[in-house]
Amino acid sequence: MKGLALVSDADVPDRRGQGDGLVRAGDVVLDEVGCAVSIGARRIALSAAHARLLAYFMKHANTVVTRDALAAELWQGKRIDPRSIDVAIVRLRQALHEAEVGRIIRTVHSAGYEFVGVPERFRPRGSRGGSEAGGHERSS
């Protein structure tokens, strides 16, 4: 499946020194600088490209994001096979272990994708999480 990767890690801008680099949406906290996501008590390392994709979704929580919008933002105008986006999202879902924490990124048939946060049945007790609990926050 070579050639279907998201922009390379080298193409991702260096954001060190710009706030703390944390993006929050309910129980999901992304460290853009450290390329890691915390889902409840679980911390998962991500590639810089996957961190950038997840950050985009989290900043647009509860909004359907089209493939065109993802292509424009993440592939920066490069001509790509439309299925490349789908493959990148499948790989992100695998990295996030969605089978264990629930569907965080929902596929919206014929429209795109939507970041919905951690499903309630997978949240730790006492957690108010989920992107519906106030959208995303960006620390600065």
Protein backbone atom coordinates (compact mmCIF):
# COMPACT_ATOMS: atom_id res chain seq x y z
CA MET A 1 0.00 0.00 0.00
CA LYS A 2 2.89 2.34 -0.65
CA GLY A 3 2.02 5.74 -1.96
CA LEU A 4 -1.18 5.94 0.09
CA ALA A 5 0.32 7.60 3.14
CA LEU A 6 -0.78 10.88 4.60
CA VAL A 7 1.71 13.72 4.21
CA SER A 8 5.04 12.56 5.50
CA ASP A 9 6.14 13.43 9.00
CA ALA A 10 8.77 15.73 7.45
CA ASP A 11 5.96 17.78 5.85
CA VAL A 12 4.25 18.44 9.18
CA PRO A 13 5.08 21.92 10.50
CA ASP A 14 7.08 22.13 13.73
CA ARG A 15 4.71 23.63 16.32
CA ARG A 16 7.04 23.63 19.32
CA GLY A 17 6.89 26.86 21.25
CA GLN A 18 3.26 27.57 20.25
CA GLY A 19 1.36 27.08 23.49
CA ASP A 20 1.37 23.69 25.11
CA GLY A 21 0.24 21.93 21.92
CA LEU A 22 -2.71 20.20 23.61
CA VAL A 23 -6.08 19.80 21.93
CA ARG A 24 -8.94 18.52 24.11
CA ALA A 25 -12.30 17.07 23.19
CA GLY A 26 -14.02 15.33 26.09
CA ASP A 27 -11.98 12.31 27.22
CA VAL A 28 -9.56 12.67 24.30
CA VAL A 29 -6.44 14.83 24.75
CA LEU A 30 -3.99 15.16 21.87
CA ASP A 31 -0.42 16.31 22.41
CA GLU A 32 0.43 17.70 18.96
CA VAL A 33 4.06 18.33 19.86
CA GLY A 34 4.67 14.93 21.46
CA CYS A 35 2.52 13.11 18.86
CA ALA A 36 0.54 11.19 21.46
CA VAL A 37 -3.11 10.96 22.39
CA SER A 38 -4.60 10.19 25.78
CA ILE A 39 -8.00 8.52 25.82
CA GLY A 40 -9.04 8.32 29.44
CA ALA A 41 -6.07 6.72 31.21
CA ARG A 42 -4.62 5.20 28.01
CA ARG A 43 -1.77 7.03 26.20
CA ILE A 44 -1.11 6.12 22.57
CA ALA A 45 1.87 7.22 20.47
CA LEU A 46 1.03 8.46 16.97
CA SER A 47 3.03 9.38 13.93
CA ALA A 48 3.19 13.13 13.28
CA ALA A 49 0.93 12.65 10.25
CA HIS A 50 -1.71 10.80 12.29
CA ALA A 51 -1.47 13.41 15.06
CA ARG A 52 -2.13 16.12 12.49
CA LEU A 53 -5.14 14.23 11.09
CA LEU A 54 -6.58 13.66 14.57
CA ALA A 55 -5.98 17.31 15.52
CA TYR A 56 -7.96 18.42 12.48
CA PHE A 57 -10.85 16.16 13.43
CA MET A 58 -10.78 17.27 17.07
CA LYS A 59 -10.75 20.96 16.12
CA HIS A 60 -13.85 20.27 14.02
CA ALA A 61 -15.59 18.01 16.57
CA ASN A 62 -19.23 17.16 15.90
CA THR A 63 -18.93 18.52 12.36
CA VAL A 64 -18.93 16.36 9.24
CA VAL A 65 -15.59 16.91 7.53
CA THR A 66 -15.54 16.17 3.80
CA ARG A 67 -12.78 14.33 2.02
CA ASP A 68 -12.15 17.51 0.01
CA ALA A 69 -11.61 19.51 3.20
CA LEU A 70 -9.21 16.87 4.53
CA ALA A 71 -7.33 16.76 1.22
CA ALA A 72 -6.98 20.55 1.11
CA GLU A 73 -5.78 20.78 4.70
CA LEU A 74 -3.63 17.68 5.07
CA TRP A 75 -2.33 17.00 1.59
CA GLN A 76 -1.88 20.72 0.94
CA GLY A 77 -3.15 20.75 -2.63
CA LYS A 78 -1.21 17.68 -3.76
CA ARG A 79 -3.08 15.48 -6.20
CA ILE A 80 -4.05 12.26 -4.43
CA ASP A 81 -6.22 9.24 -4.95
CA PRO A 82 -9.46 9.88 -3.00
CA ARG A 83 -9.13 6.45 -1.38
CA SER A 84 -5.88 7.62 0.22
CA ILE A 85 -7.92 9.60 2.71
CA ASP A 86 -9.97 6.53 3.60
CA VAL A 87 -6.81 4.48 4.06
CA ALA A 88 -5.25 7.17 6.28
CA ILE A 89 -8.37 7.19 8.46
CA VAL A 90 -8.42 3.40 8.71
CA ARG A 91 -4.80 3.52 9.88
CA LEU A 92 -5.59 6.27 12.38
CA ARG A 93 -8.49 4.21 13.73
CA GLN A 94 -6.17 1.24 14.11
CA ALA A 95 -3.62 3.38 15.94
CA LEU A 96 -6.36 4.66 18.26
CA HIS A 97 -7.44 1.09 19.02
CA GLU A 98 -11.06 1.98 18.27
CA ALA A 99 -12.03 -1.66 18.69
CA GLU A 100 -11.21 -1.26 22.38
CA VAL A 101 -12.35 2.32 23.06
CA GLY A 102 -15.26 2.63 20.65
CA ARG A 103 -15.77 4.54 17.42
CA ILE A 104 -14.16 7.96 17.89
CA ILE A 105 -14.33 8.95 14.23
CA ARG A 106 -17.67 8.20 12.59
CA THR A 107 -18.07 7.60 8.86
CA VAL A 108 -20.92 9.66 7.42
CA HIS A 109 -22.00 7.84 4.26
CA SER A 110 -21.45 9.87 1.07
CA ALA A 111 -20.40 12.91 3.09
CA GLY A 112 -17.17 12.37 5.03
CA TYR A 113 -16.16 11.78 8.62
CA GLU A 114 -17.05 13.19 12.03
CA PHE A 115 -15.10 13.23 15.29
CA VAL A 116 -17.60 12.17 17.96
CA GLY A 117 -15.30 11.40 20.89
CA VAL A 118 -15.34 8.34 23.09
CA PRO A 119 -18.73 6.58 23.20
CA GLU A 120 -20.31 6.74 26.66
CA ARG A 121 -20.23 2.98 27.20
CA PHE A 122 -16.41 3.08 26.92
CA ARG A 123 -15.84 6.07 29.21
CA PRO A 124 -14.44 5.65 32.71
CA ARG A 125 -17.05 6.02 35.47
CA GLY A 126 -17.49 9.60 36.57
CA SER A 127 -16.20 10.97 33.28
CA ARG A 128 -18.18 13.71 31.58
CA GLY A 129 -16.18 13.15 28.39
CA GLY A 130 -17.18 12.93 24.80
CA SER A 131 -16.99 15.83 22.40
CA GLU A 132 -20.61 16.65 23.16
CA ALA A 133 -19.55 17.76 26.62
CA GLY A 134 -18.38 21.13 25.41
CA GLY A 135 -16.63 20.62 22.10
CA HIS A 136 -12.91 21.02 21.79
CA GLU A 137 -10.54 23.24 23.67
CA ARG A 138 -7.11 24.27 22.62
CA SER A 139 -4.67 25.13 25.37
CA SER A 140 -2.37 28.03 24.75
